[in-house]
């Protein structure tokens, strides 16, 4: 799993039929201090997340384990919206 922040949305009118109705977001990766690492990914949204939210993403075969992504051509999924990140007793992010 990787922390990330949603910074954009992808719109595609023509796509594989297995992806119909699935929302795609651009996610910037964050470290545990909630600082951007420079990496980005396009991820399927399985939890109804929105722009600016901090999320958890899973990649690879784990990305196809959610109800929405099972059996679909997906490599990265947003599987949780983060409410709080605490490291060594210090809050790094809070909704």
PDB file of N, CA and C in Angstrom:
ATOM      1  N   UNK A   1       0.836  -1.184   0.000  1.00  0.00           N
ATOM      2  CA  UNK A   1       0.000   0.000   0.000  1.00  0.00           C
ATOM      3  C   UNK A   1       0.876   1.241   0.000  1.00  0.00           C
ATOM      4  N   UNK A   2       0.330   2.302  -0.559  1.00  0.00           N
ATOM      5  CA  UNK A   2       1.056   3.563  -0.686  1.00  0.00           C
ATOM      6  C   UNK A   2       0.095   4.704  -0.379  1.00  0.00           C
ATOM      7  N   UNK A   3       0.596   5.707   0.361  1.00  0.00           N
ATOM      8  CA  UNK A   3      -0.187   6.922   0.576  1.00  0.00           C
ATOM      9  C   UNK A   3      -0.143   7.779  -0.676  1.00  0.00           C
ATOM     10  N   UNK A   4      -1.221   8.481  -0.954  1.00  0.00           N
ATOM     11  CA  UNK A   4      -1.251   9.380  -2.098  1.00  0.00           C
ATOM     12  C   UNK A   4      -2.281  10.467  -1.910  1.00  0.00           C
ATOM     13  N   UNK A   5      -2.211  11.475  -2.774  1.00  0.00           N
ATOM     14  CA  UNK A   5      -3.177  12.575  -2.763  1.00  0.00           C
ATOM     15  C   UNK A   5      -3.752  12.699  -4.164  1.00  0.00           C
ATOM     16  N   UNK A   6      -5.069  12.758  -4.265  1.00  0.00           N
ATOM     17  CA  UNK A   6      -5.716  12.880  -5.567  1.00  0.00           C
ATOM     18  C   UNK A   6      -5.536  14.308  -6.073  1.00  0.00           C
ATOM     19  N   UNK A   7      -4.945  14.424  -7.268  1.00  0.00           N
ATOM     20  CA  UNK A   7      -4.664  15.743  -7.845  1.00  0.00           C
ATOM     21  C   UNK A   7      -5.373  15.966  -9.179  1.00  0.00           C
ATOM     22  N   UNK A   8      -6.055  14.956  -9.679  1.00  0.00           N
ATOM     23  CA  UNK A   8      -6.729  15.112 -10.955  1.00  0.00           C
ATOM     24  C   UNK A   8      -7.639  13.949 -11.279  1.00  0.00           C
ATOM     25  N   UNK A   9      -8.378  14.091 -12.366  1.00  0.00           N
ATOM     26  CA  UNK A   9      -9.311  13.070 -12.829  1.00  0.00           C
ATOM     27  C   UNK A   9      -9.039  12.798 -14.303  1.00  0.00           C
ATOM     28  N   UNK A  10      -9.202  11.555 -14.693  1.00  0.00           N
ATOM     29  CA  UNK A  10      -9.049  11.150 -16.087  1.00  0.00           C
ATOM     30  C   UNK A  10     -10.445  10.892 -16.663  1.00  0.00           C
ATOM     31  N   UNK A  11     -10.722  11.455 -17.828  1.00  0.00           N
ATOM     32  CA  UNK A  11     -11.989  11.209 -18.511  1.00  0.00           C
ATOM     33  C   UNK A  11     -11.668  10.499 -19.817  1.00  0.00           C
ATOM     34  N   UNK A  12     -12.363   9.388 -20.057  1.00  0.00           N
ATOM     35  CA  UNK A  12     -12.148   8.615 -21.278  1.00  0.00           C
ATOM     36  C   UNK A  12     -13.501   8.140 -21.794  1.00  0.00           C
ATOM     37  N   UNK A  13     -13.860   8.613 -22.981  1.00  0.00           N
ATOM     38  CA  UNK A  13     -15.158   8.225 -23.535  1.00  0.00           C
ATOM     39  C   UNK A  13     -15.108   6.873 -24.231  1.00  0.00           C
ATOM     40  N   UNK A  14     -13.916   6.454 -24.649  1.00  0.00           N
ATOM     41  CA  UNK A  14     -13.762   5.153 -25.283  1.00  0.00           C
ATOM     42  C   UNK A  14     -12.772   4.347 -24.470  1.00  0.00           C
ATOM     43  N   UNK A  15     -13.234   3.217 -23.939  1.00  0.00           N
ATOM     44  CA  UNK A  15     -12.376   2.366 -23.115  1.00  0.00           C
ATOM     45  C   UNK A  15     -12.899   0.946 -23.147  1.00  0.00           C
ATOM     46  N   UNK A  16     -12.117   0.037 -22.634  1.00  0.00           N
ATOM     47  CA  UNK A  16     -12.522  -1.355 -22.534  1.00  0.00           C
ATOM     48  C   UNK A  16     -13.862  -1.440 -21.802  1.00  0.00           C
ATOM     49  N   UNK A  17     -14.740  -2.296 -22.289  1.00  0.00           N
ATOM     50  CA  UNK A  17     -16.077  -2.393 -21.685  1.00  0.00           C
ATOM     51  C   UNK A  17     -16.044  -2.766 -20.205  1.00  0.00           C
ATOM     52  N   UNK A  18     -15.002  -3.441 -19.762  1.00  0.00           N
ATOM     53  CA  UNK A  18     -14.884  -3.791 -18.343  1.00  0.00           C
ATOM     54  C   UNK A  18     -14.613  -2.566 -17.469  1.00  0.00           C
ATOM     55  N   UNK A  19     -14.216  -1.452 -18.092  1.00  0.00           N
ATOM     56  CA  UNK A  19     -13.938  -0.233 -17.336  1.00  0.00           C
ATOM     57  C   UNK A  19     -15.105   0.763 -17.362  1.00  0.00           C
ATOM     58  N   UNK A  20     -16.198   0.402 -18.023  1.00  0.00           N
ATOM     59  CA  UNK A  20     -17.369   1.283 -18.074  1.00  0.00           C
ATOM     60  C   UNK A  20     -17.863   1.568 -16.663  1.00  0.00           C
ATOM     61  N   UNK A  21     -18.138   2.833 -16.378  1.00  0.00           N
ATOM     62  CA  UNK A  21     -18.660   3.231 -15.080  1.00  0.00           C
ATOM     63  C   UNK A  21     -17.627   3.352 -13.980  1.00  0.00           C
ATOM     64  N   UNK A  22     -16.364   3.129 -14.308  1.00  0.00           N
ATOM     65  CA  UNK A  22     -15.287   3.213 -13.316  1.00  0.00           C
ATOM     66  C   UNK A  22     -14.626   4.586 -13.410  1.00  0.00           C
ATOM     67  N   UNK A  23     -14.441   5.228 -12.258  1.00  0.00           N
ATOM     68  CA  UNK A  23     -13.823   6.555 -12.194  1.00  0.00           C
ATOM     69  C   UNK A  23     -12.309   6.417 -12.023  1.00  0.00           C
ATOM     70  N   UNK A  24     -11.566   7.224 -12.775  1.00  0.00           N
ATOM     71  CA  UNK A  24     -10.102   7.197 -12.732  1.00  0.00           C
ATOM     72  C   UNK A  24      -9.572   8.519 -12.188  1.00  0.00           C
ATOM     73  N   UNK A  25      -8.586   8.448 -11.286  1.00  0.00           N
ATOM     74  CA  UNK A  25      -7.977   9.638 -10.702  1.00  0.00           C
ATOM     75  C   UNK A  25      -6.469   9.629 -10.896  1.00  0.00           C
ATOM     76  N   UNK A  26      -5.889  10.821 -10.947  1.00  0.00           N
ATOM     77  CA  UNK A  26      -4.433  10.978 -10.924  1.00  0.00           C
ATOM     78  C   UNK A  26      -4.046  11.137  -9.448  1.00  0.00           C
ATOM     79  N   UNK A  27      -3.131  10.297  -8.996  1.00  0.00           N
ATOM     80  CA  UNK A  27      -2.721  10.297  -7.594  1.00  0.00           C
ATOM     81  C   UNK A  27      -1.225  10.573  -7.504  1.00  0.00           C
ATOM     82  N   UNK A  28      -0.843  11.577  -6.699  1.00  0.00           N
ATOM     83  CA  UNK A  28       0.566  11.848  -6.400  1.00  0.00           C
ATOM     84  C   UNK A  28       0.928  11.078  -5.145  1.00  0.00           C
ATOM     85  N   UNK A  29       2.026  10.334  -5.195  1.00  0.00           N
ATOM     86  CA  UNK A  29       2.459   9.558  -4.038  1.00  0.00           C
ATOM     87  C   UNK A  29       2.977  10.469  -2.933  1.00  0.00           C
ATOM     88  N   UNK A  30       2.731  10.064  -1.679  1.00  0.00           N
ATOM     89  CA  UNK A  30       3.189  10.771  -0.487  1.00  0.00           C
ATOM     90  C   UNK A  30       4.035   9.828   0.368  1.00  0.00           C
ATOM     91  N   UNK A  31       4.990  10.400   1.119  1.00  0.00           N
ATOM     92  CA  UNK A  31       5.715   9.604   2.106  1.00  0.00           C
ATOM     93  C   UNK A  31       4.939   9.636   3.425  1.00  0.00           C
ATOM     94  N   UNK A  32       5.458   9.002   4.492  1.00  0.00           N
ATOM     95  CA  UNK A  32       4.734   8.961   5.762  1.00  0.00           C
ATOM     96  C   UNK A  32       4.684  10.319   6.459  1.00  0.00           C
ATOM     97  N   UNK A  33       5.463  11.269   5.988  1.00  0.00           N
ATOM     98  CA  UNK A  33       5.392  12.641   6.501  1.00  0.00           C
ATOM     99  C   UNK A  33       4.337  13.441   5.730  1.00  0.00           C
ATOM    100  N   UNK A  34       3.690  12.777   4.763  1.00  0.00           N
ATOM    101  CA  UNK A  34       2.671  13.369   3.880  1.00  0.00           C
ATOM    102  C   UNK A  34       3.261  14.427   2.955  1.00  0.00           C
ATOM    103  N   UNK A  35       4.511  14.228   2.578  1.00  0.00           N
ATOM    104  CA  UNK A  35       5.174  15.076   1.588  1.00  0.00           C
ATOM    105  C   UNK A  35       5.187  14.340   0.251  1.00  0.00           C
ATOM    106  N   UNK A  36       4.989  15.074  -0.838  1.00  0.00           N
ATOM    107  CA  UNK A  36       4.992  14.456  -2.162  1.00  0.00           C
ATOM    108  C   UNK A  36       6.356  13.870  -2.483  1.00  0.00           C
ATOM    109  N   UNK A  37       6.362  12.672  -3.068  1.00  0.00           N
ATOM    110  CA  UNK A  37       7.615  11.999  -3.414  1.00  0.00           C
ATOM    111  C   UNK A  37       8.029  12.239  -4.855  1.00  0.00           C
ATOM    112  N   UNK A  38       7.110  12.769  -5.661  1.00  0.00           N
ATOM    113  CA  UNK A  38       7.410  13.009  -7.070  1.00  0.00           C
ATOM    114  C   UNK A  38       6.769  11.991  -7.990  1.00  0.00           C
ATOM    115  N   UNK A  39       6.416  10.818  -7.456  1.00  0.00           N
ATOM    116  CA  UNK A  39       5.774   9.795  -8.276  1.00  0.00           C
ATOM    117  C   UNK A  39       4.287  10.045  -8.417  1.00  0.00           C
ATOM    118  N   UNK A  40       3.753   9.606  -9.559  1.00  0.00           N
ATOM    119  CA  UNK A  40       2.316   9.745  -9.822  1.00  0.00           C
ATOM    120  C   UNK A  40       1.804   8.473 -10.474  1.00  0.00           C
ATOM    121  N   UNK A  41       0.490   8.269 -10.358  1.00  0.00           N
ATOM    122  CA  UNK A  41      -0.129   7.095 -10.958  1.00  0.00           C
ATOM    123  C   UNK A  41      -1.587   7.409 -11.264  1.00  0.00           C
ATOM    124  N   UNK A  42      -2.149   6.707 -12.227  1.00  0.00           N
ATOM    125  CA  UNK A  42      -3.585   6.756 -12.475  1.00  0.00           C
ATOM    126  C   UNK A  42      -4.181   5.551 -11.759  1.00  0.00           C
ATOM    127  N   UNK A  43      -5.215   5.791 -10.945  1.00  0.00           N
ATOM    128  CA  UNK A  43      -5.792   4.709 -10.149  1.00  0.00           C
ATOM    129  C   UNK A  43      -7.311   4.696 -10.272  1.00  0.00           C
ATOM    130  N   UNK A  44      -7.883   3.504 -10.217  1.00  0.00           N
ATOM    131  CA  UNK A  44      -9.330   3.322 -10.192  1.00  0.00           C
ATOM    132  C   UNK A  44      -9.825   3.677  -8.790  1.00  0.00           C
ATOM    133  N   UNK A  45     -10.927   4.412  -8.722  1.00  0.00           N
ATOM    134  CA  UNK A  45     -11.507   4.805  -7.445  1.00  0.00           C
ATOM    135  C   UNK A  45     -12.578   3.796  -7.039  1.00  0.00           C
ATOM    136  N   UNK A  46     -12.336   3.057  -5.948  1.00  0.00           N
ATOM    137  CA  UNK A  46     -13.321   2.086  -5.479  1.00  0.00           C
ATOM    138  C   UNK A  46     -14.063   2.564  -4.234  1.00  0.00           C
ATOM    139  N   UNK A  47     -13.771   3.804  -3.774  1.00  0.00           N
ATOM    140  CA  UNK A  47     -14.361   4.271  -2.514  1.00  0.00           C
ATOM    141  C   UNK A  47     -15.053   5.629  -2.607  1.00  0.00           C
ATOM    142  N   UNK A  48     -15.110   6.242  -3.776  1.00  0.00           N
ATOM    143  CA  UNK A  48     -15.774   7.538  -3.921  1.00  0.00           C
ATOM    144  C   UNK A  48     -14.943   8.711  -3.446  1.00  0.00           C
ATOM    145  N   UNK A  49     -13.644   8.632  -3.636  1.00  0.00           N
ATOM    146  CA  UNK A  49     -12.732   9.708  -3.221  1.00  0.00           C
ATOM    147  C   UNK A  49     -12.797  10.870  -4.207  1.00  0.00           C
ATOM    148  N   UNK A  50     -12.290  12.040  -3.752  1.00  0.00           N
ATOM    149  CA  UNK A  50     -12.325  13.216  -4.606  1.00  0.00           C
ATOM    150  C   UNK A  50     -11.017  13.981  -4.604  1.00  0.00           C
ATOM    151  N   UNK A  51     -10.941  14.987  -5.452  1.00  0.00           N
ATOM    152  CA  UNK A  51      -9.754  15.825  -5.590  1.00  0.00           C
ATOM    153  C   UNK A  51      -9.344  16.388  -4.222  1.00  0.00           C
ATOM    154  N   UNK A  52      -8.037  16.309  -3.941  1.00  0.00           N
ATOM    155  CA  UNK A  52      -7.485  16.858  -2.715  1.00  0.00           C
ATOM    156  C   UNK A  52      -7.460  15.891  -1.542  1.00  0.00           C
ATOM    157  N   UNK A  53      -8.136  14.750  -1.667  1.00  0.00           N
ATOM    158  CA  UNK A  53      -8.159  13.810  -0.543  1.00  0.00           C
ATOM    159  C   UNK A  53      -6.900  12.957  -0.509  1.00  0.00           C
ATOM    160  N   UNK A  54      -6.468  12.625   0.714  1.00  0.00           N
ATOM    161  CA  UNK A  54      -5.368  11.698   0.921  1.00  0.00           C
ATOM    162  C   UNK A  54      -5.972  10.295   0.956  1.00  0.00           C
ATOM    163  N   UNK A  55      -5.354   9.378   0.216  1.00  0.00           N
ATOM    164  CA  UNK A  55      -5.910   8.039   0.031  1.00  0.00           C
ATOM    165  C   UNK A  55      -4.822   6.976   0.179  1.00  0.00           C
ATOM    166  N   UNK A  56      -5.264   5.730   0.304  1.00  0.00           N
ATOM    167  CA  UNK A  56      -4.368   4.583   0.226  1.00  0.00           C
ATOM    168  C   UNK A  56      -4.601   3.908  -1.115  1.00  0.00           C
ATOM    169  N   UNK A  57      -3.520   3.577  -1.797  1.00  0.00           N
ATOM    170  CA  UNK A  57      -3.627   2.868  -3.070  1.00  0.00           C
ATOM    171  C   UNK A  57      -2.893   1.546  -2.982  1.00  0.00           C
ATOM    172  N   UNK A  58      -3.390   0.577  -3.719  1.00  0.00           N
ATOM    173  CA  UNK A  58      -2.737  -0.722  -3.843  1.00  0.00           C
ATOM    174  C   UNK A  58      -2.438  -0.938  -5.317  1.00  0.00           C
ATOM    175  N   UNK A  59      -1.347  -1.638  -5.591  1.00  0.00           N
ATOM    176  CA  UNK A  59      -0.929  -1.857  -6.979  1.00  0.00           C
ATOM    177  C   UNK A  59      -0.703  -3.339  -7.250  1.00  0.00           C
ATOM    178  N   UNK A  60      -0.623  -3.657  -8.529  1.00  0.00           N
ATOM    179  CA  UNK A  60      -0.373  -5.033  -8.936  1.00  0.00           C
ATOM    180  C   UNK A  60      -1.611  -5.900  -8.744  1.00  0.00           C
ATOM    181  N   UNK A  61      -1.408  -7.181  -8.462  1.00  0.00           N
ATOM    182  CA  UNK A  61      -2.544  -8.098  -8.328  1.00  0.00           C
ATOM    183  C   UNK A  61      -3.458  -7.710  -7.170  1.00  0.00           C
ATOM    184  N   UNK A  62      -2.932  -7.041  -6.156  1.00  0.00           N
ATOM    185  CA  UNK A  62      -3.771  -6.585  -5.036  1.00  0.00           C
ATOM    186  C   UNK A  62      -4.820  -5.588  -5.498  1.00  0.00           C
ATOM    187  N   UNK A  63      -4.554  -4.876  -6.579  1.00  0.00           N
ATOM    188  CA  UNK A  63      -5.496  -3.878  -7.088  1.00  0.00           C
ATOM    189  C   UNK A  63      -6.750  -4.518  -7.665  1.00  0.00           C
ATOM    190  N   UNK A  64      -6.704  -5.807  -7.955  1.00  0.00           N
ATOM    191  CA  UNK A  64      -7.860  -6.490  -8.527  1.00  0.00           C
ATOM    192  C   UNK A  64      -8.639  -7.282  -7.475  1.00  0.00           C
ATOM    193  N   UNK A  65      -8.448  -6.946  -6.211  1.00  0.00           N
ATOM    194  CA  UNK A  65      -9.112  -7.671  -5.130  1.00  0.00           C
ATOM    195  C   UNK A  65     -10.335  -6.960  -4.568  1.00  0.00           C
ATOM    196  N   UNK A  66     -10.639  -5.737  -5.020  1.00  0.00           N
ATOM    197  CA  UNK A  66     -11.828  -5.047  -4.531  1.00  0.00           C
ATOM    198  C   UNK A  66     -13.048  -5.516  -5.326  1.00  0.00           C
ATOM    199  N   UNK A  67     -14.218  -5.261  -4.801  1.00  0.00           N
ATOM    200  CA  UNK A  67     -15.460  -5.642  -5.481  1.00  0.00           C
ATOM    201  C   UNK A  67     -15.551  -4.990  -6.859  1.00  0.00           C
ATOM    202  N   UNK A  68     -15.163  -3.727  -6.945  1.00  0.00           N
ATOM    203  CA  UNK A  68     -15.263  -2.970  -8.201  1.00  0.00           C
ATOM    204  C   UNK A  68     -14.239  -3.417  -9.241  1.00  0.00           C
ATOM    205  N   UNK A  69     -13.046  -3.829  -8.803  1.00  0.00           N
ATOM    206  CA  UNK A  69     -11.958  -4.106  -9.750  1.00  0.00           C
ATOM    207  C   UNK A  69     -11.753  -5.586 -10.067  1.00  0.00           C
ATOM    208  N   UNK A  70     -12.431  -6.460  -9.375  1.00  0.00           N
ATOM    209  CA  UNK A  70     -12.229  -7.894  -9.575  1.00  0.00           C
ATOM    210  C   UNK A  70     -12.486  -8.290 -11.026  1.00  0.00           C
ATOM    211  N   UNK A  71     -11.494  -8.953 -11.629  1.00  0.00           N
ATOM    212  CA  UNK A  71     -11.621  -9.416 -13.008  1.00  0.00           C
ATOM    213  C   UNK A  71     -11.498  -8.334 -14.062  1.00  0.00           C
ATOM    214  N   UNK A  72     -11.011  -7.183 -13.681  1.00  0.00           N
ATOM    215  CA  UNK A  72     -10.883  -6.068 -14.624  1.00  0.00           C
ATOM    216  C   UNK A  72      -9.405  -5.760 -14.903  1.00  0.00           C
ATOM    217  N   UNK A  73      -9.103  -5.122 -16.053  1.00  0.00           N
ATOM    218  CA  UNK A  73      -7.711  -4.806 -16.402  1.00  0.00           C
ATOM    219  C   UNK A  73      -7.215  -3.581 -15.626  1.00  0.00           C
ATOM    220  N   UNK A  74      -6.957  -3.774 -14.334  1.00  0.00           N
ATOM    221  CA  UNK A  74      -6.594  -2.690 -13.428  1.00  0.00           C
ATOM    222  C   UNK A  74      -5.276  -3.018 -12.739  1.00  0.00           C
ATOM    223  N   UNK A  75      -4.402  -2.008 -12.623  1.00  0.00           N
ATOM    224  CA  UNK A  75      -3.123  -2.215 -11.958  1.00  0.00           C
ATOM    225  C   UNK A  75      -2.997  -1.413 -10.660  1.00  0.00           C
ATOM    226  N   UNK A  76      -3.816  -0.357 -10.481  1.00  0.00           N
ATOM    227  CA  UNK A  76      -3.750   0.454  -9.269  1.00  0.00           C
ATOM    228  C   UNK A  76      -5.164   0.855  -8.869  1.00  0.00           C
ATOM    229  N   UNK A  77      -5.459   0.746  -7.560  1.00  0.00           N
ATOM    230  CA  UNK A  77      -6.790   1.069  -7.060  1.00  0.00           C
ATOM    231  C   UNK A  77      -6.696   1.931  -5.805  1.00  0.00           C
ATOM    232  N   UNK A  78      -7.599   2.905  -5.702  1.00  0.00           N
ATOM    233  CA  UNK A  78      -7.770   3.673  -4.471  1.00  0.00           C
ATOM    234  C   UNK A  78      -8.715   2.843  -3.615  1.00  0.00           C
ATOM    235  N   UNK A  79      -8.225   2.378  -2.449  1.00  0.00           N
ATOM    236  CA  UNK A  79      -9.023   1.461  -1.633  1.00  0.00           C
ATOM    237  C   UNK A  79      -9.420   2.023  -0.288  1.00  0.00           C
ATOM    238  N   UNK A  80      -8.956   3.241   0.045  1.00  0.00           N
ATOM    239  CA  UNK A  80      -9.336   3.859   1.315  1.00  0.00           C
ATOM    240  C   UNK A  80      -9.102   5.364   1.248  1.00  0.00           C
ATOM    241  N   UNK A  81      -9.967   6.099   1.946  1.00  0.00           N
ATOM    242  CA  UNK A  81      -9.776   7.536   2.139  1.00  0.00           C
ATOM    243  C   UNK A  81      -9.205   7.699   3.542  1.00  0.00           C
ATOM    244  N   UNK A  82      -8.074   8.391   3.648  1.00  0.00           N
ATOM    245  CA  UNK A  82      -7.359   8.515   4.915  1.00  0.00           C
ATOM    246  C   UNK A  82      -7.953   9.647   5.754  1.00  0.00           C
ATOM    247  N   UNK A  83      -8.200   9.366   7.024  1.00  0.00           N
ATOM    248  CA  UNK A  83      -8.682  10.371   7.966  1.00  0.00           C
ATOM    249  C   UNK A  83      -7.539  10.955   8.793  1.00  0.00           C
ATOM    250  N   UNK A  84      -6.530  10.133   9.100  1.00  0.00           N
ATOM    251  CA  UNK A  84      -5.445  10.562   9.981  1.00  0.00           C
ATOM    252  C   UNK A  84      -4.188   9.766   9.684  1.00  0.00           C
ATOM    253  N   UNK A  85      -3.052  10.460   9.660  1.00  0.00           N
ATOM    254  CA  UNK A  85      -1.746   9.808   9.592  1.00  0.00           C
ATOM    255  C   UNK A  85      -0.979  10.252  10.829  1.00  0.00           C
ATOM    256  N   UNK A  86      -0.593   9.287  11.664  1.00  0.00           N
ATOM    257  CA  UNK A  86       0.159   9.588  12.877  1.00  0.00           C
ATOM    258  C   UNK A  86       1.432   8.766  12.860  1.00  0.00           C
ATOM    259  N   UNK A  87       2.575   9.421  13.048  1.00  0.00           N
ATOM    260  CA  UNK A  87       3.878   8.752  13.037  1.00  0.00           C
ATOM    261  C   UNK A  87       4.611   9.129  14.322  1.00  0.00           C
ATOM    262  N   UNK A  88       5.011   8.125  15.096  1.00  0.00           N
ATOM    263  CA  UNK A  88       5.705   8.347  16.368  1.00  0.00           C
ATOM    264  C   UNK A  88       4.947   9.315  17.270  1.00  0.00           C
ATOM    265  N   UNK A  89       3.629   9.167  17.306  1.00  0.00           N
ATOM    266  CA  UNK A  89       2.795   9.985  18.180  1.00  0.00           C
ATOM    267  C   UNK A  89       2.514  11.393  17.673  1.00  0.00           C
ATOM    268  N   UNK A  90       3.019  11.733  16.492  1.00  0.00           N
ATOM    269  CA  UNK A  90       2.794  13.058  15.917  1.00  0.00           C
ATOM    270  C   UNK A  90       1.862  12.959  14.713  1.00  0.00           C
ATOM    271  N   UNK A  91       0.860  13.829  14.664  1.00  0.00           N
ATOM    272  CA  UNK A  91      -0.060  13.852  13.552  1.00  0.00           C
ATOM    273  C   UNK A  91       0.611  14.486  12.336  1.00  0.00           C
ATOM    274  N   UNK A  92       0.657  13.742  11.246  1.00  0.00           N
ATOM    275  CA  UNK A  92       1.244  14.233   9.992  1.00  0.00           C
ATOM    276  C   UNK A  92       0.169  14.716   9.034  1.00  0.00           C
ATOM    277  N   UNK A  93      -1.035  14.163   9.186  1.00  0.00           N
ATOM    278  CA  UNK A  93      -2.171  14.560   8.350  1.00  0.00           C
ATOM    279  C   UNK A  93      -3.436  14.287   9.131  1.00  0.00           C
ATOM    280  N   UNK A  94      -4.381  15.192   9.055  1.00  0.00           N
ATOM    281  CA  UNK A  94      -5.691  14.989   9.656  1.00  0.00           C
ATOM    282  C   UNK A  94      -6.710  15.661   8.759  1.00  0.00           C
ATOM    283  N   UNK A  95      -7.778  14.963   8.496  1.00  0.00           N
ATOM    284  CA  UNK A  95      -8.841  15.470   7.635  1.00  0.00           C
ATOM    285  C   UNK A  95      -9.504  16.679   8.214  1.00  0.00           C
TER     286      UNK A  95
END
